[in-house]
Amino acid sequence: MTEVIIVILSSLGAIFIFLAAVGVVRMPDLYLRISVTTKAATLGIGLILIAAAFYFNDLSITSRVLAIILFMLLTAPVGAHMLGRASYFTGVKMWKNSEFDDLKGKYHPKTHILSSKEESKEIKKNV
């Protein structure tokens, strides 16, 4: 029974990592690529690590696996956010068919501080 669980988890993990790789190739802009890889790769790595915990069936391995998964869940979204933010500030263009830009006009152009709608109107007037 354990072997079946290991095969299922590792196969699902490999599929999600494969989908992340396909997403990097197929997505039209950087922001969508970041989103796909962060979500799919994190889930894929987590599933493979859980399969490894089942395979070794040792408390020390399982605790390390859980620590790695926790670390991945905490750092992957932060890293993706920082990449997206830096890309946005350096002027990386969005996909031409993007419906709207939620951040347009809400950041101060020099300090990059996020502002409210009222502050955004003042920023546009002063710039």
C-alpha atoms as a PDB file:
ATOM      1  CA  MET A   1       0.000   0.000   0.000  1.00  0.00           C
ATOM      2  CA  THR A   2       2.860   2.379   0.810  1.00  0.00           C
ATOM      3  CA  GLU A   3       4.375   1.819  -2.618  1.00  0.00           C
ATOM      4  CA  VAL A   4       1.115   2.883  -4.260  1.00  0.00           C
ATOM      5  CA  ILE A   5       1.019   6.098  -2.230  1.00  0.00           C
ATOM      6  CA  ILE A   6       4.644   6.826  -3.130  1.00  0.00           C
ATOM      7  CA  VAL A   7       4.008   6.249  -6.835  1.00  0.00           C
ATOM      8  CA  ILE A   8       0.869   8.417  -6.832  1.00  0.00           C
ATOM      9  CA  LEU A   9       2.488  11.308  -4.932  1.00  0.00           C
ATOM     10  CA  SER A  10       5.714  11.290  -6.911  1.00  0.00           C
ATOM     11  CA  SER A  11       3.829  11.018 -10.214  1.00  0.00           C
ATOM     12  CA  LEU A  12       1.545  13.913  -9.318  1.00  0.00           C
ATOM     13  CA  GLY A  13       4.581  15.933  -8.237  1.00  0.00           C
ATOM     14  CA  ALA A  14       6.349  15.222 -11.516  1.00  0.00           C
ATOM     15  CA  ILE A  15       3.226  16.195 -13.465  1.00  0.00           C
ATOM     16  CA  PHE A  16       2.948  19.526 -11.641  1.00  0.00           C
ATOM     17  CA  ILE A  17       6.641  20.272 -12.196  1.00  0.00           C
ATOM     18  CA  PHE A  18       6.191  19.400 -15.872  1.00  0.00           C
ATOM     19  CA  LEU A  19       3.196  21.757 -16.057  1.00  0.00           C
ATOM     20  CA  ALA A  20       5.317  24.501 -14.498  1.00  0.00           C
ATOM     21  CA  ALA A  21       7.956  23.943 -17.181  1.00  0.00           C
ATOM     22  CA  VAL A  22       5.317  24.043 -19.915  1.00  0.00           C
ATOM     23  CA  GLY A  23       3.911  27.221 -18.366  1.00  0.00           C
ATOM     24  CA  VAL A  24       7.292  28.922 -18.576  1.00  0.00           C
ATOM     25  CA  VAL A  25       7.403  28.176 -22.283  1.00  0.00           C
ATOM     26  CA  ARG A  26       3.748  28.833 -23.125  1.00  0.00           C
ATOM     27  CA  MET A  27       2.804  31.881 -21.041  1.00  0.00           C
ATOM     28  CA  PRO A  28       3.006  35.154 -22.984  1.00  0.00           C
ATOM     29  CA  ASP A  29       4.594  37.473 -20.405  1.00  0.00           C
ATOM     30  CA  LEU A  30       6.844  37.447 -17.382  1.00  0.00           C
ATOM     31  CA  TYR A  31       4.080  38.012 -14.836  1.00  0.00           C
ATOM     32  CA  LEU A  32       2.087  34.968 -15.931  1.00  0.00           C
ATOM     33  CA  ARG A  33       5.252  32.864 -16.060  1.00  0.00           C
ATOM     34  CA  ILE A  34       6.083  33.811 -12.485  1.00  0.00           C
ATOM     35  CA  SER A  35       2.567  32.907 -11.362  1.00  0.00           C
ATOM     36  CA  VAL A  36       2.571  29.519 -13.062  1.00  0.00           C
ATOM     37  CA  THR A  37       5.985  28.482 -11.842  1.00  0.00           C
ATOM     38  CA  THR A  38       5.429  29.586  -8.280  1.00  0.00           C
ATOM     39  CA  LYS A  39       2.190  27.683  -7.856  1.00  0.00           C
ATOM     40  CA  ALA A  40       2.800  24.539  -9.889  1.00  0.00           C
ATOM     41  CA  ALA A  41       6.452  24.000  -8.984  1.00  0.00           C
ATOM     42  CA  THR A  42       5.837  24.542  -5.271  1.00  0.00           C
ATOM     43  CA  LEU A  43       3.017  22.003  -5.297  1.00  0.00           C
ATOM     44  CA  GLY A  44       5.079  19.556  -7.365  1.00  0.00           C
ATOM     45  CA  ILE A  45       8.110  19.790  -5.100  1.00  0.00           C
ATOM     46  CA  GLY A  46       5.895  19.404  -2.041  1.00  0.00           C
ATOM     47  CA  LEU A  47       4.294  16.248  -3.407  1.00  0.00           C
ATOM     48  CA  ILE A  48       7.655  14.717  -4.277  1.00  0.00           C
ATOM     49  CA  LEU A  49       8.985  15.524  -0.817  1.00  0.00           C
ATOM     50  CA  ILE A  50       5.949  13.918   0.813  1.00  0.00           C
ATOM     51  CA  ALA A  51       6.573  10.842  -1.336  1.00  0.00           C
ATOM     52  CA  ALA A  52      10.168  10.811  -0.069  1.00  0.00           C
ATOM     53  CA  ALA A  53       8.913  10.987   3.519  1.00  0.00           C
ATOM     54  CA  PHE A  54       6.696   7.943   2.875  1.00  0.00           C
ATOM     55  CA  TYR A  55       9.545   6.110   1.157  1.00  0.00           C
ATOM     56  CA  PHE A  56      12.089   6.526   3.969  1.00  0.00           C
ATOM     57  CA  ASN A  57       9.508   6.232   6.777  1.00  0.00           C
ATOM     58  CA  ASP A  58      11.858   7.806   9.311  1.00  0.00           C
ATOM     59  CA  LEU A  59      11.027  10.544  11.803  1.00  0.00           C
ATOM     60  CA  SER A  60      14.194  12.544  11.065  1.00  0.00           C
ATOM     61  CA  ILE A  61      13.533  12.471   7.304  1.00  0.00           C
ATOM     62  CA  THR A  62       9.860  13.360   7.783  1.00  0.00           C
ATOM     63  CA  SER A  63      10.706  16.325  10.006  1.00  0.00           C
ATOM     64  CA  ARG A  64      13.205  17.590   7.433  1.00  0.00           C
ATOM     65  CA  VAL A  65      10.652  17.156   4.665  1.00  0.00           C
ATOM     66  CA  LEU A  66       8.079  19.151   6.623  1.00  0.00           C
ATOM     67  CA  ALA A  67      10.647  21.882   7.312  1.00  0.00           C
ATOM     68  CA  ILE A  68      11.537  22.082   3.614  1.00  0.00           C
ATOM     69  CA  ILE A  69       7.872  22.243   2.602  1.00  0.00           C
ATOM     70  CA  LEU A  70       7.217  24.988   5.146  1.00  0.00           C
ATOM     71  CA  PHE A  71      10.255  26.900   3.897  1.00  0.00           C
ATOM     72  CA  MET A  72       9.079  26.534   0.282  1.00  0.00           C
ATOM     73  CA  LEU A  73       5.557  27.703   1.132  1.00  0.00           C
ATOM     74  CA  LEU A  74       6.944  30.759   2.900  1.00  0.00           C
ATOM     75  CA  THR A  75       9.654  31.778   0.448  1.00  0.00           C
ATOM     76  CA  ALA A  76       8.308  30.970  -3.028  1.00  0.00           C
ATOM     77  CA  PRO A  77       5.440  33.518  -2.970  1.00  0.00           C
ATOM     78  CA  VAL A  78       7.685  36.204  -1.490  1.00  0.00           C
ATOM     79  CA  GLY A  79      10.338  35.594  -4.142  1.00  0.00           C
ATOM     80  CA  ALA A  80       7.751  35.668  -6.920  1.00  0.00           C
ATOM     81  CA  HIS A  81       6.300  38.887  -5.547  1.00  0.00           C
ATOM     82  CA  MET A  82       9.709  40.529  -5.430  1.00  0.00           C
ATOM     83  CA  LEU A  83      10.504  39.422  -8.997  1.00  0.00           C
ATOM     84  CA  GLY A  84       7.169  40.754 -10.227  1.00  0.00           C
ATOM     85  CA  ARG A  85       7.567  44.024  -8.370  1.00  0.00           C
ATOM     86  CA  ALA A  86      11.090  44.587  -9.669  1.00  0.00           C
ATOM     87  CA  SER A  87       9.938  43.734 -13.185  1.00  0.00           C
ATOM     88  CA  TYR A  88       7.032  46.148 -12.945  1.00  0.00           C
ATOM     89  CA  PHE A  89       9.258  48.989 -11.760  1.00  0.00           C
ATOM     90  CA  THR A  90      11.853  48.399 -14.452  1.00  0.00           C
ATOM     91  CA  GLY A  91       9.163  48.598 -17.113  1.00  0.00           C
ATOM     92  CA  VAL A  92       8.705  45.010 -18.266  1.00  0.00           C
ATOM     93  CA  LYS A  93       5.641  45.127 -20.510  1.00  0.00           C
ATOM     94  CA  MET A  94       2.513  43.177 -19.768  1.00  0.00           C
ATOM     95  CA  TRP A  95       0.897  40.903 -22.325  1.00  0.00           C
ATOM     96  CA  LYS A  96      -0.890  42.902 -25.031  1.00  0.00           C
ATOM     97  CA  ASN A  97      -4.224  41.166 -24.289  1.00  0.00           C
ATOM     98  CA  SER A  98      -4.139  41.927 -20.563  1.00  0.00           C
ATOM     99  CA  GLU A  99      -7.466  43.419 -19.560  1.00  0.00           C
ATOM    100  CA  PHE A 100      -6.165  46.005 -17.097  1.00  0.00           C
ATOM    101  CA  ASP A 101      -3.221  47.020 -14.943  1.00  0.00           C
ATOM    102  CA  ASP A 102      -4.245  47.178 -11.295  1.00  0.00           C
ATOM    103  CA  LEU A 103      -1.074  48.985 -10.265  1.00  0.00           C
ATOM    104  CA  LYS A 104      -0.990  51.661 -12.954  1.00  0.00           C
ATOM    105  CA  GLY A 105      -0.891  55.090 -11.348  1.00  0.00           C
ATOM    106  CA  LYS A 106      -0.842  53.761  -7.784  1.00  0.00           C
ATOM    107  CA  TYR A 107       2.921  53.873  -7.218  1.00  0.00           C
ATOM    108  CA  HIS A 108       5.002  56.979  -6.736  1.00  0.00           C
ATOM    109  CA  PRO A 109       7.392  56.965  -9.725  1.00  0.00           C
ATOM    110  CA  LYS A 110      10.523  57.789  -7.726  1.00  0.00           C
ATOM    111  CA  THR A 111       9.969  56.178  -4.328  1.00  0.00           C
ATOM    112  CA  HIS A 112       7.785  53.251  -5.517  1.00  0.00           C
ATOM    113  CA  ILE A 113       5.530  53.665  -2.504  1.00  0.00           C
ATOM    114  CA  LEU A 114       2.016  52.312  -2.975  1.00  0.00           C
ATOM    115  CA  SER A 115      -0.662  54.947  -2.534  1.00  0.00           C
ATOM    116  CA  SER A 116      -4.435  55.093  -2.327  1.00  0.00           C
ATOM    117  CA  LYS A 117      -6.682  56.365  -5.124  1.00  0.00           C
ATOM    118  CA  GLU A 118      -6.761  59.902  -3.716  1.00  0.00           C
ATOM    119  CA  GLU A 119      -2.995  59.990  -3.323  1.00  0.00           C
ATOM    120  CA  SER A 120      -2.619  58.624  -6.861  1.00  0.00           C
ATOM    121  CA  LYS A 121      -4.569  61.566  -8.254  1.00  0.00           C
ATOM    122  CA  GLU A 122      -2.241  63.947  -6.402  1.00  0.00           C
ATOM    123  CA  ILE A 123       0.822  62.096  -7.662  1.00  0.00           C
ATOM    124  CA  LYS A 124      -0.398  62.407 -11.261  1.00  0.00           C
ATOM    125  CA  LYS A 125      -0.943  66.137 -10.780  1.00  0.00           C
ATOM    126  CA  ASN A 126       2.516  66.681  -9.299  1.00  0.00           C
ATOM    127  CA  VAL A 127       4.422  64.607 -11.851  1.00  0.00           C
END
